[in-house]
Amino acid sequence: MPPVRLVFEPKTSRIEQSELIQTLLAKPASKLDADQSHDGGADGRPTQKSLRQMLVEWIDFRMETVAKRTRHRLGKVLDRIHVLEGRQLVLLNIDEVIRIIRNADEPKPALIARFQAERQAG
């Protein structure tokens, strides 16, 4: 996961950096006023959200994104394993595969029937 960068900018330019840092460090996390205007409210209009709400939503989004990407990659890996198992089956039974191909008018259905291939690789 890429690193997260939080940027705190004062509402006015009259606040010095050191003063902002002292204010952030002096107050407990529960007392910080970190409301932000954030697009994407339920009705599509900007809403005020606390820092905690934004972080929770972002973490939920990242968890869902990583889970979807992982499921997609797993599907690709399982498809590849299926193809490799099919190739292994053909190599282990190469004489019978050659015999079926030479003798059958339609070798594909005969091979599927013989080796009971349940799905085709896409």
PDB file of N, CA and C in Angstrom:
ATOM      1  N   MET A   1       0.851  -1.164   0.000  1.00  0.00           N
ATOM      2  CA  MET A   1       0.000   0.000   0.000  1.00  0.00           C
ATOM      3  C   MET A   1       0.896   1.225   0.000  1.00  0.00           C
ATOM      4  N   PRO A   2       0.586   2.207  -0.880  1.00  0.00           N
ATOM      5  CA  PRO A   2       1.423   3.407  -0.920  1.00  0.00           C
ATOM      6  C   PRO A   2       1.268   4.203   0.365  1.00  0.00           C
ATOM      7  N   PRO A   3       2.294   4.966   0.737  1.00  0.00           N
ATOM      8  CA  PRO A   3       2.205   5.755   1.970  1.00  0.00           C
ATOM      9  C   PRO A   3       1.138   6.838   1.848  1.00  0.00           C
ATOM     10  N   VAL A   4       0.582   7.210   2.978  1.00  0.00           N
ATOM     11  CA  VAL A   4      -0.438   8.247   3.023  1.00  0.00           C
ATOM     12  C   VAL A   4       0.207   9.538   3.479  1.00  0.00           C
ATOM     13  N   ARG A   5      -0.138  10.607   2.831  1.00  0.00           N
ATOM     14  CA  ARG A   5       0.428  11.914   3.180  1.00  0.00           C
ATOM     15  C   ARG A   5      -0.707  12.822   3.607  1.00  0.00           C
ATOM     16  N   LEU A   6      -0.657  13.277   4.832  1.00  0.00           N
ATOM     17  CA  LEU A   6      -1.641  14.224   5.341  1.00  0.00           C
ATOM     18  C   LEU A   6      -1.043  15.616   5.282  1.00  0.00           C
ATOM     19  N   VAL A   7      -1.790  16.555   4.738  1.00  0.00           N
ATOM     20  CA  VAL A   7      -1.336  17.938   4.633  1.00  0.00           C
ATOM     21  C   VAL A   7      -2.277  18.795   5.454  1.00  0.00           C
ATOM     22  N   PHE A   8      -1.740  19.515   6.429  1.00  0.00           N
ATOM     23  CA  PHE A   8      -2.514  20.433   7.254  1.00  0.00           C
ATOM     24  C   PHE A   8      -2.175  21.840   6.814  1.00  0.00           C
ATOM     25  N   GLU A   9      -3.198  22.579   6.387  1.00  0.00           N
ATOM     26  CA  GLU A   9      -2.994  23.958   5.977  1.00  0.00           C
ATOM     27  C   GLU A   9      -3.894  24.851   6.820  1.00  0.00           C
ATOM     28  N   PRO A  10      -3.342  25.887   7.407  1.00  0.00           N
ATOM     29  CA  PRO A  10      -4.178  26.799   8.192  1.00  0.00           C
ATOM     30  C   PRO A  10      -5.151  27.549   7.279  1.00  0.00           C
ATOM     31  N   LYS A  11      -6.252  28.000   7.871  1.00  0.00           N
ATOM     32  CA  LYS A  11      -7.264  28.717   7.086  1.00  0.00           C
ATOM     33  C   LYS A  11      -6.774  30.093   6.644  1.00  0.00           C
ATOM     34  N   THR A  12      -5.835  30.654   7.402  1.00  0.00           N
ATOM     35  CA  THR A  12      -5.281  31.955   7.016  1.00  0.00           C
ATOM     36  C   THR A  12      -3.766  31.845   6.941  1.00  0.00           C
ATOM     37  N   SER A  13      -3.170  32.769   6.230  1.00  0.00           N
ATOM     38  CA  SER A  13      -1.712  32.759   6.092  1.00  0.00           C
ATOM     39  C   SER A  13      -1.030  33.444   7.276  1.00  0.00           C
ATOM     40  N   ARG A  14      -1.800  33.976   8.230  1.00  0.00           N
ATOM     41  CA  ARG A  14      -1.239  34.680   9.376  1.00  0.00           C
ATOM     42  C   ARG A  14      -0.742  33.722  10.462  1.00  0.00           C
ATOM     43  N   ILE A  15      -1.060  32.430  10.344  1.00  0.00           N
ATOM     44  CA  ILE A  15      -0.627  31.459  11.354  1.00  0.00           C
ATOM     45  C   ILE A  15       0.727  30.882  10.930  1.00  0.00           C
ATOM     46  N   GLU A  16       1.679  30.959  11.837  1.00  0.00           N
ATOM     47  CA  GLU A  16       3.017  30.442  11.561  1.00  0.00           C
ATOM     48  C   GLU A  16       3.014  28.915  11.644  1.00  0.00           C
ATOM     49  N   GLN A  17       3.952  28.310  10.954  1.00  0.00           N
ATOM     50  CA  GLN A  17       4.063  26.855  10.949  1.00  0.00           C
ATOM     51  C   GLN A  17       4.285  26.301  12.357  1.00  0.00           C
ATOM     52  N   SER A  18       5.167  26.906  13.101  1.00  0.00           N
ATOM     53  CA  SER A  18       5.459  26.419  14.459  1.00  0.00           C
ATOM     54  C   SER A  18       4.224  26.536  15.356  1.00  0.00           C
ATOM     55  N   GLU A  19       3.450  27.594  15.178  1.00  0.00           N
ATOM     56  CA  GLU A  19       2.229  27.780  15.972  1.00  0.00           C
ATOM     57  C   GLU A  19       1.201  26.690  15.625  1.00  0.00           C
ATOM     58  N   LEU A  20       1.085  26.361  14.359  1.00  0.00           N
ATOM     59  CA  LEU A  20       0.168  25.304  13.923  1.00  0.00           C
ATOM     60  C   LEU A  20       0.593  23.957  14.510  1.00  0.00           C
ATOM     61  N   ILE A  21       1.877  23.661  14.475  1.00  0.00           N
ATOM     62  CA  ILE A  21       2.382  22.394  15.004  1.00  0.00           C
ATOM     63  C   ILE A  21       2.127  22.321  16.502  1.00  0.00           C
ATOM     64  N   GLN A  22       2.380  23.418  17.231  1.00  0.00           N
ATOM     65  CA  GLN A  22       2.125  23.432  18.675  1.00  0.00           C
ATOM     66  C   GLN A  22       0.653  23.200  18.977  1.00  0.00           C
ATOM     67  N   THR A  23      -0.221  23.797  18.190  1.00  0.00           N
ATOM     68  CA  THR A  23      -1.663  23.631  18.389  1.00  0.00           C
ATOM     69  C   THR A  23      -2.078  22.181  18.150  1.00  0.00           C
ATOM     70  N   LEU A  24      -1.551  21.576  17.096  1.00  0.00           N
ATOM     71  CA  LEU A  24      -1.895  20.189  16.787  1.00  0.00           C
ATOM     72  C   LEU A  24      -1.395  19.232  17.866  1.00  0.00           C
ATOM     73  N   LEU A  25      -0.188  19.481  18.359  1.00  0.00           N
ATOM     74  CA  LEU A  25       0.392  18.580  19.344  1.00  0.00           C
ATOM     75  C   LEU A  25      -0.136  18.826  20.752  1.00  0.00           C
ATOM     76  N   ALA A  26      -0.634  20.021  21.024  1.00  0.00           N
ATOM     77  CA  ALA A  26      -1.084  20.355  22.374  1.00  0.00           C
ATOM     78  C   ALA A  26      -2.455  19.775  22.693  1.00  0.00           C
ATOM     79  N   LYS A  27      -3.313  19.657  21.687  1.00  0.00           N
ATOM     80  CA  LYS A  27      -4.671  19.175  21.919  1.00  0.00           C
ATOM     81  C   LYS A  27      -4.735  17.659  21.755  1.00  0.00           C
ATOM     82  N   PRO A  28      -5.560  16.983  22.559  1.00  0.00           N
ATOM     83  CA  PRO A  28      -5.762  15.554  22.330  1.00  0.00           C
ATOM     84  C   PRO A  28      -6.469  15.344  20.987  1.00  0.00           C
ATOM     85  N   ALA A  29      -6.303  14.160  20.406  1.00  0.00           N
ATOM     86  CA  ALA A  29      -6.859  13.881  19.074  1.00  0.00           C
ATOM     87  C   ALA A  29      -8.364  14.093  19.037  1.00  0.00           C
ATOM     88  N   SER A  30      -9.051  13.814  20.148  1.00  0.00           N
ATOM     89  CA  SER A  30     -10.510  13.962  20.157  1.00  0.00           C
ATOM     90  C   SER A  30     -10.948  15.413  20.134  1.00  0.00           C
ATOM     91  N   LYS A  31     -10.050  16.359  20.467  1.00  0.00           N
ATOM     92  CA  LYS A  31     -10.413  17.771  20.542  1.00  0.00           C
ATOM     93  C   LYS A  31     -10.012  18.573  19.304  1.00  0.00           C
ATOM     94  N   LEU A  32      -9.336  17.948  18.378  1.00  0.00           N
ATOM     95  CA  LEU A  32      -8.905  18.670  17.186  1.00  0.00           C
ATOM     96  C   LEU A  32     -10.098  18.997  16.306  1.00  0.00           C
ATOM     97  N   ASP A  33     -10.145  20.216  15.796  1.00  0.00           N
ATOM     98  CA  ASP A  33     -11.194  20.627  14.870  1.00  0.00           C
ATOM     99  C   ASP A  33     -10.646  20.434  13.469  1.00  0.00           C
ATOM    100  N   ALA A  34     -10.903  19.270  12.902  1.00  0.00           N
ATOM    101  CA  ALA A  34     -10.324  18.942  11.606  1.00  0.00           C
ATOM    102  C   ALA A  34     -11.401  18.678  10.576  1.00  0.00           C
ATOM    103  N   ASP A  35     -12.514  19.414  10.659  1.00  0.00           N
ATOM    104  CA  ASP A  35     -13.572  19.242   9.666  1.00  0.00           C
ATOM    105  C   ASP A  35     -13.067  19.729   8.314  1.00  0.00           C
ATOM    106  N   GLN A  36     -13.479  19.022   7.291  1.00  0.00           N
ATOM    107  CA  GLN A  36     -13.054  19.342   5.943  1.00  0.00           C
ATOM    108  C   GLN A  36     -14.268  19.361   5.036  1.00  0.00           C
ATOM    109  N   SER A  37     -14.207  20.167   4.007  1.00  0.00           N
ATOM    110  CA  SER A  37     -15.224  20.114   2.969  1.00  0.00           C
ATOM    111  C   SER A  37     -14.818  18.974   2.048  1.00  0.00           C
ATOM    112  N   HIS A  38     -15.757  18.061   1.822  1.00  0.00           N
ATOM    113  CA  HIS A  38     -15.407  16.855   1.078  1.00  0.00           C
ATOM    114  C   HIS A  38     -16.512  16.561   0.079  1.00  0.00           C
ATOM    115  N   ASP A  39     -16.151  16.400  -1.189  1.00  0.00           N
ATOM    116  CA  ASP A  39     -17.150  16.062  -2.202  1.00  0.00           C
ATOM    117  C   ASP A  39     -17.641  14.641  -1.982  1.00  0.00           C
ATOM    118  N   GLY A  40     -18.837  14.389  -2.455  1.00  0.00           N
ATOM    119  CA  GLY A  40     -19.321  13.019  -2.442  1.00  0.00           C
ATOM    120  C   GLY A  40     -20.286  12.711  -1.331  1.00  0.00           C
ATOM    121  N   GLY A  41     -21.076  13.683  -0.903  1.00  0.00           N
ATOM    122  CA  GLY A  41     -22.118  13.385   0.057  1.00  0.00           C
ATOM    123  C   GLY A  41     -23.166  12.499  -0.594  1.00  0.00           C
ATOM    124  N   ALA A  42     -24.117  12.033   0.194  1.00  0.00           N
ATOM    125  CA  ALA A  42     -25.132  11.127  -0.327  1.00  0.00           C
ATOM    126  C   ALA A  42     -25.920  11.751  -1.470  1.00  0.00           C
ATOM    127  N   ASP A  43     -26.113  13.077  -1.416  1.00  0.00           N
ATOM    128  CA  ASP A  43     -26.880  13.750  -2.468  1.00  0.00           C
ATOM    129  C   ASP A  43     -25.977  14.400  -3.516  1.00  0.00           C
ATOM    130  N   GLY A  44     -24.677  14.140  -3.463  1.00  0.00           N
ATOM    131  CA  GLY A  44     -23.742  14.666  -4.451  1.00  0.00           C
ATOM    132  C   GLY A  44     -23.199  16.041  -4.119  1.00  0.00           C
ATOM    133  N   ARG A  45     -23.648  16.627  -3.012  1.00  0.00           N
ATOM    134  CA  ARG A  45     -23.165  17.951  -2.612  1.00  0.00           C
ATOM    135  C   ARG A  45     -22.037  17.797  -1.599  1.00  0.00           C
ATOM    136  N   PRO A  46     -21.151  18.802  -1.519  1.00  0.00           N
ATOM    137  CA  PRO A  46     -20.076  18.729  -0.518  1.00  0.00           C
ATOM    138  C   PRO A  46     -20.664  18.686   0.896  1.00  0.00           C
ATOM    139  N   THR A  47     -20.005  17.937   1.749  1.00  0.00           N
ATOM    140  CA  THR A  47     -20.446  17.825   3.142  1.00  0.00           C
ATOM    141  C   THR A  47     -19.260  18.051   4.062  1.00  0.00           C
ATOM    142  N   GLN A  48     -19.539  18.353   5.324  1.00  0.00           N
ATOM    143  CA  GLN A  48     -18.496  18.500   6.324  1.00  0.00           C
ATOM    144  C   GLN A  48     -18.260  17.131   6.961  1.00  0.00           C
ATOM    145  N   LYS A  49     -17.024  16.699   6.962  1.00  0.00           N
ATOM    146  CA  LYS A  49     -16.667  15.424   7.561  1.00  0.00           C
ATOM    147  C   LYS A  49     -15.470  15.628   8.464  1.00  0.00           C
ATOM    148  N   SER A  50     -15.460  14.904   9.561  1.00  0.00           N
ATOM    149  CA  SER A  50     -14.313  14.984  10.455  1.00  0.00           C
ATOM    150  C   SER A  50     -13.157  14.191   9.854  1.00  0.00           C
ATOM    151  N   LEU A  51     -11.987  14.427  10.377  1.00  0.00           N
ATOM    152  CA  LEU A  51     -10.810  13.688   9.917  1.00  0.00           C
ATOM    153  C   LEU A  51     -11.012  12.195  10.120  1.00  0.00           C
ATOM    154  N   ARG A  52     -11.598  11.835  11.236  1.00  0.00           N
ATOM    155  CA  ARG A  52     -11.853  10.427  11.530  1.00  0.00           C
ATOM    156  C   ARG A  52     -12.793   9.827  10.486  1.00  0.00           C
ATOM    157  N   GLN A  53     -13.877  10.532  10.139  1.00  0.00           N
ATOM    158  CA  GLN A  53     -14.817  10.033   9.133  1.00  0.00           C
ATOM    159  C   GLN A  53     -14.130   9.848   7.787  1.00  0.00           C
ATOM    160  N   MET A  54     -13.306  10.825   7.403  1.00  0.00           N
ATOM    161  CA  MET A  54     -12.609  10.718   6.119  1.00  0.00           C
ATOM    162  C   MET A  54     -11.653   9.534   6.121  1.00  0.00           C
ATOM    163  N   LEU A  55     -10.912   9.346   7.226  1.00  0.00           N
ATOM    164  CA  LEU A  55      -9.973   8.226   7.291  1.00  0.00           C
ATOM    165  C   LEU A  55     -10.701   6.886   7.279  1.00  0.00           C
ATOM    166  N   VAL A  56     -11.816   6.787   8.006  1.00  0.00           N
ATOM    167  CA  VAL A  56     -12.586   5.540   8.021  1.00  0.00           C
ATOM    168  C   VAL A  56     -13.102   5.224   6.619  1.00  0.00           C
ATOM    169  N   GLU A  57     -13.645   6.231   5.930  1.00  0.00           N
ATOM    170  CA  GLU A  57     -14.142   6.011   4.567  1.00  0.00           C
ATOM    171  C   GLU A  57     -13.016   5.634   3.620  1.00  0.00           C
ATOM    172  N   TRP A  58     -11.870   6.292   3.763  1.00  0.00           N
ATOM    173  CA  TRP A  58     -10.738   5.983   2.892  1.00  0.00           C
ATOM    174  C   TRP A  58     -10.238   4.562   3.146  1.00  0.00           C
ATOM    175  N   ILE A  59     -10.143   4.164   4.416  1.00  0.00           N
ATOM    176  CA  ILE A  59      -9.691   2.809   4.750  1.00  0.00           C
ATOM    177  C   ILE A  59     -10.686   1.782   4.216  1.00  0.00           C
ATOM    178  N   ASP A  60     -11.981   2.034   4.363  1.00  0.00           N
ATOM    179  CA  ASP A  60     -12.994   1.121   3.814  1.00  0.00           C
ATOM    180  C   ASP A  60     -12.842   0.990   2.306  1.00  0.00           C
ATOM    181  N   PHE A  61     -12.640   2.137   1.635  1.00  0.00           N
ATOM    182  CA  PHE A  61     -12.450   2.130   0.185  1.00  0.00           C
ATOM    183  C   PHE A  61     -11.226   1.310  -0.206  1.00  0.00           C
ATOM    184  N   ARG A  62     -10.106   1.528   0.496  1.00  0.00           N
ATOM    185  CA  ARG A  62      -8.876   0.801   0.179  1.00  0.00           C
ATOM    186  C   ARG A  62      -9.040  -0.703   0.421  1.00  0.00           C
ATOM    187  N   MET A  63      -9.709  -1.062   1.528  1.00  0.00           N
ATOM    188  CA  MET A  63      -9.933  -2.481   1.825  1.00  0.00           C
ATOM    189  C   MET A  63     -10.754  -3.130   0.712  1.00  0.00           C
ATOM    190  N   GLU A  64     -11.810  -2.441   0.268  1.00  0.00           N
ATOM    191  CA  GLU A  64     -12.642  -2.978  -0.805  1.00  0.00           C
ATOM    192  C   GLU A  64     -11.856  -3.088  -2.111  1.00  0.00           C
ATOM    193  N   THR A  65     -11.054  -2.064  -2.406  1.00  0.00           N
ATOM    194  CA  THR A  65     -10.252  -2.075  -3.631  1.00  0.00           C
ATOM    195  C   THR A  65      -9.247  -3.223  -3.621  1.00  0.00           C
ATOM    196  N   VAL A  66      -8.553  -3.404  -2.517  1.00  0.00           N
ATOM    197  CA  VAL A  66      -7.561  -4.480  -2.415  1.00  0.00           C
ATOM    198  C   VAL A  66      -8.247  -5.842  -2.498  1.00  0.00           C
ATOM    199  N   ALA A  67      -9.411  -5.985  -1.868  1.00  0.00           N
ATOM    200  CA  ALA A  67     -10.140  -7.257  -1.915  1.00  0.00           C
ATOM    201  C   ALA A  67     -10.578  -7.569  -3.345  1.00  0.00           C
ATOM    202  N   LYS A  68     -11.096  -6.567  -4.067  1.00  0.00           N
ATOM    203  CA  LYS A  68     -11.520  -6.786  -5.461  1.00  0.00           C
ATOM    204  C   LYS A  68     -10.325  -7.169  -6.333  1.00  0.00           C
ATOM    205  N   ARG A  69      -9.220  -6.445  -6.157  1.00  0.00           N
ATOM    206  CA  ARG A  69      -8.027  -6.742  -6.956  1.00  0.00           C
ATOM    207  C   ARG A  69      -7.509  -8.143  -6.657  1.00  0.00           C
ATOM    208  N   THR A  70      -7.542  -8.535  -5.384  1.00  0.00           N
ATOM    209  CA  THR A  70      -7.081  -9.861  -4.992  1.00  0.00           C
ATOM    210  C   THR A  70      -7.984 -10.946  -5.567  1.00  0.00           C
ATOM    211  N   ARG A  71      -9.316 -10.729  -5.515  1.00  0.00           N
ATOM    212  CA  ARG A  71     -10.251 -11.709  -6.104  1.00  0.00           C
ATOM    213  C   ARG A  71     -10.027 -11.837  -7.602  1.00  0.00           C
ATOM    214  N   HIS A  72      -9.787 -10.705  -8.271  1.00  0.00           N
ATOM    215  CA  HIS A  72      -9.532 -10.733  -9.716  1.00  0.00           C
ATOM    216  C   HIS A  72      -8.259 -11.523 -10.030  1.00  0.00           C
ATOM    217  N   ARG A  73      -7.196 -11.236  -9.282  1.00  0.00           N
ATOM    218  CA  ARG A  73      -5.932 -11.954  -9.499  1.00  0.00           C
ATOM    219  C   ARG A  73      -6.083 -13.439  -9.205  1.00  0.00           C
ATOM    220  N   LEU A  74      -6.846 -13.776  -8.155  1.00  0.00           N
ATOM    221  CA  LEU A  74      -7.087 -15.180  -7.828  1.00  0.00           C
ATOM    222  C   LEU A  74      -7.819 -15.871  -8.972  1.00  0.00           C
ATOM    223  N   GLY A  75      -8.801 -15.201  -9.550  1.00  0.00           N
ATOM    224  CA  GLY A  75      -9.521 -15.771 -10.695  1.00  0.00           C
ATOM    225  C   GLY A  75      -8.591 -16.041 -11.859  1.00  0.00           C
ATOM    226  N   LYS A  76      -7.692 -15.089 -12.131  1.00  0.00           N
ATOM    227  CA  LYS A  76      -6.715 -15.279 -13.214  1.00  0.00           C
ATOM    228  C   LYS A  76      -5.794 -16.463 -12.924  1.00  0.00           C
ATOM    229  N   VAL A  77      -5.340 -16.581 -11.689  1.00  0.00           N
ATOM    230  CA  VAL A  77      -4.446 -17.677 -11.307  1.00  0.00           C
ATOM    231  C   VAL A  77      -5.171 -19.015 -11.423  1.00  0.00           C
ATOM    232  N   LEU A  78      -6.426 -19.068 -10.975  1.00  0.00           N
ATOM    233  CA  LEU A  78      -7.193 -20.316 -11.067  1.00  0.00           C
ATOM    234  C   LEU A  78      -7.437 -20.718 -12.514  1.00  0.00           C
ATOM    235  N   ASP A  79      -7.694 -19.727 -13.376  1.00  0.00           N
ATOM    236  CA  ASP A  79      -7.837 -20.024 -14.808  1.00  0.00           C
ATOM    237  C   ASP A  79      -6.533 -20.588 -15.372  1.00  0.00           C
ATOM    238  N   ARG A  80      -5.418 -20.005 -14.998  1.00  0.00           N
ATOM    239  CA  ARG A  80      -4.114 -20.475 -15.486  1.00  0.00           C
ATOM    240  C   ARG A  80      -3.823 -21.881 -14.975  1.00  0.00           C
ATOM    241  N   ILE A  81      -4.154 -22.150 -13.722  1.00  0.00           N
ATOM    242  CA  ILE A  81      -3.965 -23.494 -13.161  1.00  0.00           C
ATOM    243  C   ILE A  81      -4.797 -24.508 -13.929  1.00  0.00           C
ATOM    244  N   HIS A  82      -6.035 -24.128 -14.276  1.00  0.00           N
ATOM    245  CA  HIS A  82      -6.907 -25.030 -15.038  1.00  0.00           C
ATOM    246  C   HIS A  82      -6.278 -25.382 -16.390  1.00  0.00           C
ATOM    247  N   VAL A  83      -5.738 -24.359 -17.066  1.00  0.00           N
ATOM    248  CA  VAL A  83      -5.091 -24.602 -18.361  1.00  0.00           C
ATOM    249  C   VAL A  83      -3.889 -25.539 -18.187  1.00  0.00           C
ATOM    250  N   LEU A  84      -3.078 -25.286 -17.178  1.00  0.00           N
ATOM    251  CA  LEU A  84      -1.894 -26.119 -16.953  1.00  0.00           C
ATOM    252  C   LEU A  84      -2.266 -27.547 -16.570  1.00  0.00           C
ATOM    253  N   GLU A  85      -3.332 -27.712 -15.798  1.00  0.00           N
ATOM    254  CA  GLU A  85      -3.787 -29.064 -15.467  1.00  0.00           C
ATOM    255  C   GLU A  85      -4.245 -29.801 -16.714  1.00  0.00           C
ATOM    256  N   GLY A  86      -4.925 -29.072 -17.623  1.00  0.00           N
ATOM    257  CA  GLY A  86      -5.348 -29.673 -18.890  1.00  0.00           C
ATOM    258  C   GLY A  86      -4.158 -30.103 -19.727  1.00  0.00           C
ATOM    259  N   ARG A  87      -3.146 -29.264 -19.785  1.00  0.00           N
ATOM    260  CA  ARG A  87      -1.937 -29.625 -20.538  1.00  0.00           C
ATOM    261  C   ARG A  87      -1.233 -30.821 -19.909  1.00  0.00           C
ATOM    262  N   GLN A  88      -1.201 -30.843 -18.586  1.00  0.00           N
ATOM    263  CA  GLN A  88      -0.582 -31.972 -17.897  1.00  0.00           C
ATOM    264  C   GLN A  88      -1.337 -33.264 -18.200  1.00  0.00           C
ATOM    265  N   LEU A  89      -2.670 -33.188 -18.199  1.00  0.00           N
ATOM    266  CA  LEU A  89      -3.493 -34.359 -18.492  1.00  0.00           C
ATOM    267  C   LEU A  89      -3.228 -34.874 -19.903  1.00  0.00           C
ATOM    268  N   VAL A  90      -3.106 -33.952 -20.847  1.00  0.00           N
ATOM    269  CA  VAL A  90      -2.811 -34.339 -22.233  1.00  0.00           C
ATOM    270  C   VAL A  90      -1.435 -34.998 -22.315  1.00  0.00           C
ATOM    271  N   LEU A  91      -0.436 -34.418 -21.663  1.00  0.00           N
ATOM    272  CA  LEU A  91       0.912 -34.986 -21.729  1.00  0.00           C
ATOM    273  C   LEU A  91       0.994 -36.364 -21.071  1.00  0.00           C
ATOM    274  N   LEU A  92       0.257 -36.540 -19.976  1.00  0.00           N
ATOM    275  CA  LEU A  92       0.277 -37.837 -19.299  1.00  0.00           C
ATOM    276  C   LEU A  92      -0.450 -38.924 -20.094  1.00  0.00           C
ATOM    277  N   ASN A  93      -1.374 -38.500 -20.966  1.00  0.00           N
ATOM    278  CA  ASN A  93      -2.153 -39.455 -21.763  1.00  0.00           C
ATOM    279  C   ASN A  93      -1.983 -39.188 -23.250  1.00  0.00           C
ATOM    280  N   ILE A  94      -0.774 -38.827 -23.664  1.00  0.00           N
ATOM    281  CA  ILE A  94      -0.526 -38.394 -25.040  1.00  0.00           C
ATOM    282  C   ILE A  94      -0.874 -39.470 -26.067  1.00  0.00           C
ATOM    283  N   ASP A  95      -0.607 -40.726 -25.770  1.00  0.00           N
ATOM    284  CA  ASP A  95      -0.916 -41.788 -26.736  1.00  0.00           C
ATOM    285  C   ASP A  95      -2.422 -41.892 -26.967  1.00  0.00           C
ATOM    286  N   GLU A  96      -3.194 -41.825 -25.899  1.00  0.00           N
ATOM    287  CA  GLU A  96      -4.648 -41.904 -26.035  1.00  0.00           C
ATOM    288  C   GLU A  96      -5.203 -40.666 -26.730  1.00  0.00           C
ATOM    289  N   VAL A  97      -4.650 -39.499 -26.446  1.00  0.00           N
ATOM    290  CA  VAL A  97      -5.092 -38.265 -27.104  1.00  0.00           C
ATOM    291  C   VAL A  97      -4.845 -38.364 -28.604  1.00  0.00           C
ATOM    292  N   ILE A  98      -3.667 -38.832 -28.998  1.00  0.00           N
ATOM    293  CA  ILE A  98      -3.351 -38.986 -30.431  1.00  0.00           C
ATOM    294  C   ILE A  98      -4.300 -39.975 -31.082  1.00  0.00           C
ATOM    295  N   ARG A  99      -4.589 -41.071 -30.390  1.00  0.00           N
ATOM    296  CA  ARG A  99      -5.501 -42.086 -30.945  1.00  0.00           C
ATOM    297  C   ARG A  99      -6.897 -41.501 -31.159  1.00  0.00           C
ATOM    298  N   ILE A 100      -7.394 -40.753 -30.191  1.00  0.00           N
ATOM    299  CA  ILE A 100      -8.727 -40.147 -30.324  1.00  0.00           C
ATOM    300  C   ILE A 100      -8.742 -39.140 -31.468  1.00  0.00           C
ATOM    301  N   ILE A 101      -7.707 -38.327 -31.580  1.00  0.00           N
ATOM    302  CA  ILE A 101      -7.658 -37.322 -32.646  1.00  0.00           C
ATOM    303  C   ILE A 101      -7.627 -37.998 -34.019  1.00  0.00           C
ATOM    304  N   ARG A 102      -6.884 -39.076 -34.164  1.00  0.00           N
ATOM    305  CA  ARG A 102      -6.779 -39.772 -35.457  1.00  0.00           C
ATOM    306  C   ARG A 102      -8.067 -40.507 -35.828  1.00  0.00           C
ATOM    307  N   ASN A 103      -8.745 -41.071 -34.845  1.00  0.00           N
ATOM    308  CA  ASN A 103      -9.879 -41.947 -35.142  1.00  0.00           C
ATOM    309  C   ASN A 103     -11.236 -41.246 -35.112  1.00  0.00           C
ATOM    310  N   ALA A 104     -11.387 -40.156 -34.404  1.00  0.00           N
ATOM    311  CA  ALA A 104     -12.697 -39.516 -34.270  1.00  0.00           C
ATOM    312  C   ALA A 104     -12.921 -38.509 -35.386  1.00  0.00           C
ATOM    313  N   ASP A 105     -14.195 -38.447 -35.854  1.00  0.00           N
ATOM    314  CA  ASP A 105     -14.555 -37.429 -36.848  1.00  0.00           C
ATOM    315  C   ASP A 105     -14.563 -36.045 -36.192  1.00  0.00           C
ATOM    316  N   GLU A 106     -15.066 -35.980 -34.981  1.00  0.00           N
ATOM    317  CA  GLU A 106     -15.074 -34.755 -34.199  1.00  0.00           C
ATOM    318  C   GLU A 106     -14.253 -35.004 -32.929  1.00  0.00           C
ATOM    319  N   PRO A 107     -12.957 -34.715 -32.944  1.00  0.00           N
ATOM    320  CA  PRO A 107     -12.114 -35.063 -31.790  1.00  0.00           C
ATOM    321  C   PRO A 107     -12.400 -34.245 -30.522  1.00  0.00           C
ATOM    322  N   LYS A 108     -12.840 -33.007 -30.678  1.00  0.00           N
ATOM    323  CA  LYS A 108     -13.041 -32.172 -29.492  1.00  0.00           C
ATOM    324  C   LYS A 108     -14.093 -32.751 -28.541  1.00  0.00           C
ATOM    325  N   PRO A 109     -15.310 -33.076 -29.025  1.00  0.00           N
ATOM    326  CA  PRO A 109     -16.288 -33.667 -28.098  1.00  0.00           C
ATOM    327  C   PRO A 109     -15.825 -35.019 -27.547  1.00  0.00           C
ATOM    328  N   ALA A 110     -15.099 -35.782 -28.350  1.00  0.00           N
ATOM    329  CA  ALA A 110     -14.605 -37.083 -27.884  1.00  0.00           C
ATOM    330  C   ALA A 110     -13.562 -36.904 -26.786  1.00  0.00           C
ATOM    331  N   LEU A 111     -12.684 -35.924 -26.940  1.00  0.00           N
ATOM    332  CA  LEU A 111     -11.683 -35.646 -25.905  1.00  0.00           C
ATOM    333  C   LEU A 111     -12.336 -35.145 -24.622  1.00  0.00           C
ATOM    334  N   ILE A 112     -13.326 -34.266 -24.781  1.00  0.00           N
ATOM    335  CA  ILE A 112     -14.025 -33.743 -23.603  1.00  0.00           C
ATOM    336  C   ILE A 112     -14.749 -34.878 -22.884  1.00  0.00           C
ATOM    337  N   ALA A 113     -15.399 -35.730 -23.653  1.00  0.00           N
ATOM    338  CA  ALA A 113     -16.118 -36.852 -23.035  1.00  0.00           C
ATOM    339  C   ALA A 113     -15.150 -37.794 -22.321  1.00  0.00           C
ATOM    340  N   ARG A 114     -14.016 -38.033 -22.926  1.00  0.00           N
ATOM    341  CA  ARG A 114     -13.061 -38.973 -22.344  1.00  0.00           C
ATOM    342  C   ARG A 114     -12.399 -38.416 -21.085  1.00  0.00           C
ATOM    343  N   PHE A 115     -12.001 -37.152 -21.133  1.00  0.00           N
ATOM    344  CA  PHE A 115     -11.251 -36.575 -20.022  1.00  0.00           C
ATOM    345  C   PHE A 115     -12.110 -35.684 -19.125  1.00  0.00           C
ATOM    346  N   GLN A 116     -13.380 -35.582 -19.417  1.00  0.00           N
ATOM    347  CA  GLN A 116     -14.367 -34.870 -18.608  1.00  0.00           C
ATOM    348  C   GLN A 116     -13.910 -33.459 -18.240  1.00  0.00           C
ATOM    349  N   ALA A 117     -13.572 -32.705 -19.250  1.00  0.00           N
ATOM    350  CA  ALA A 117     -13.202 -31.307 -19.032  1.00  0.00           C
ATOM    351  C   ALA A 117     -14.480 -30.542 -18.675  1.00  0.00           C
ATOM    352  N   GLU A 118     -14.484 -29.917 -17.509  1.00  0.00           N
ATOM    353  CA  GLU A 118     -15.683 -29.252 -17.035  1.00  0.00           C
ATOM    354  C   GLU A 118     -15.833 -27.834 -17.544  1.00  0.00           C
ATOM    355  N   ARG A 119     -14.742 -27.168 -17.819  1.00  0.00           N
ATOM    356  CA  ARG A 119     -14.848 -25.815 -18.323  1.00  0.00           C
ATOM    357  C   ARG A 119     -13.735 -25.554 -19.316  1.00  0.00           C
ATOM    358  N   GLN A 120     -13.961 -24.585 -20.154  1.00  0.00           N
ATOM    359  CA  GLN A 120     -12.967 -24.204 -21.147  1.00  0.00           C
ATOM    360  C   GLN A 120     -12.223 -22.985 -20.660  1.00  0.00           C
ATOM    361  N   ALA A 121     -10.939 -22.940 -20.937  1.00  0.00           N
ATOM    362  CA  ALA A 121     -10.147 -21.777 -20.551  1.00  0.00           C
ATOM    363  C   ALA A 121     -10.499 -20.637 -21.494  1.00  0.00           C
ATOM    364  N   GLY A 122     -10.553 -19.446 -20.962  1.00  0.00           N
ATOM    365  CA  GLY A 122     -10.950 -18.291 -21.770  1.00  0.00           C
ATOM    366  C   GLY A 122      -9.858 -17.392 -21.953  1.00  0.00           C
TER     367      GLY A 122
END
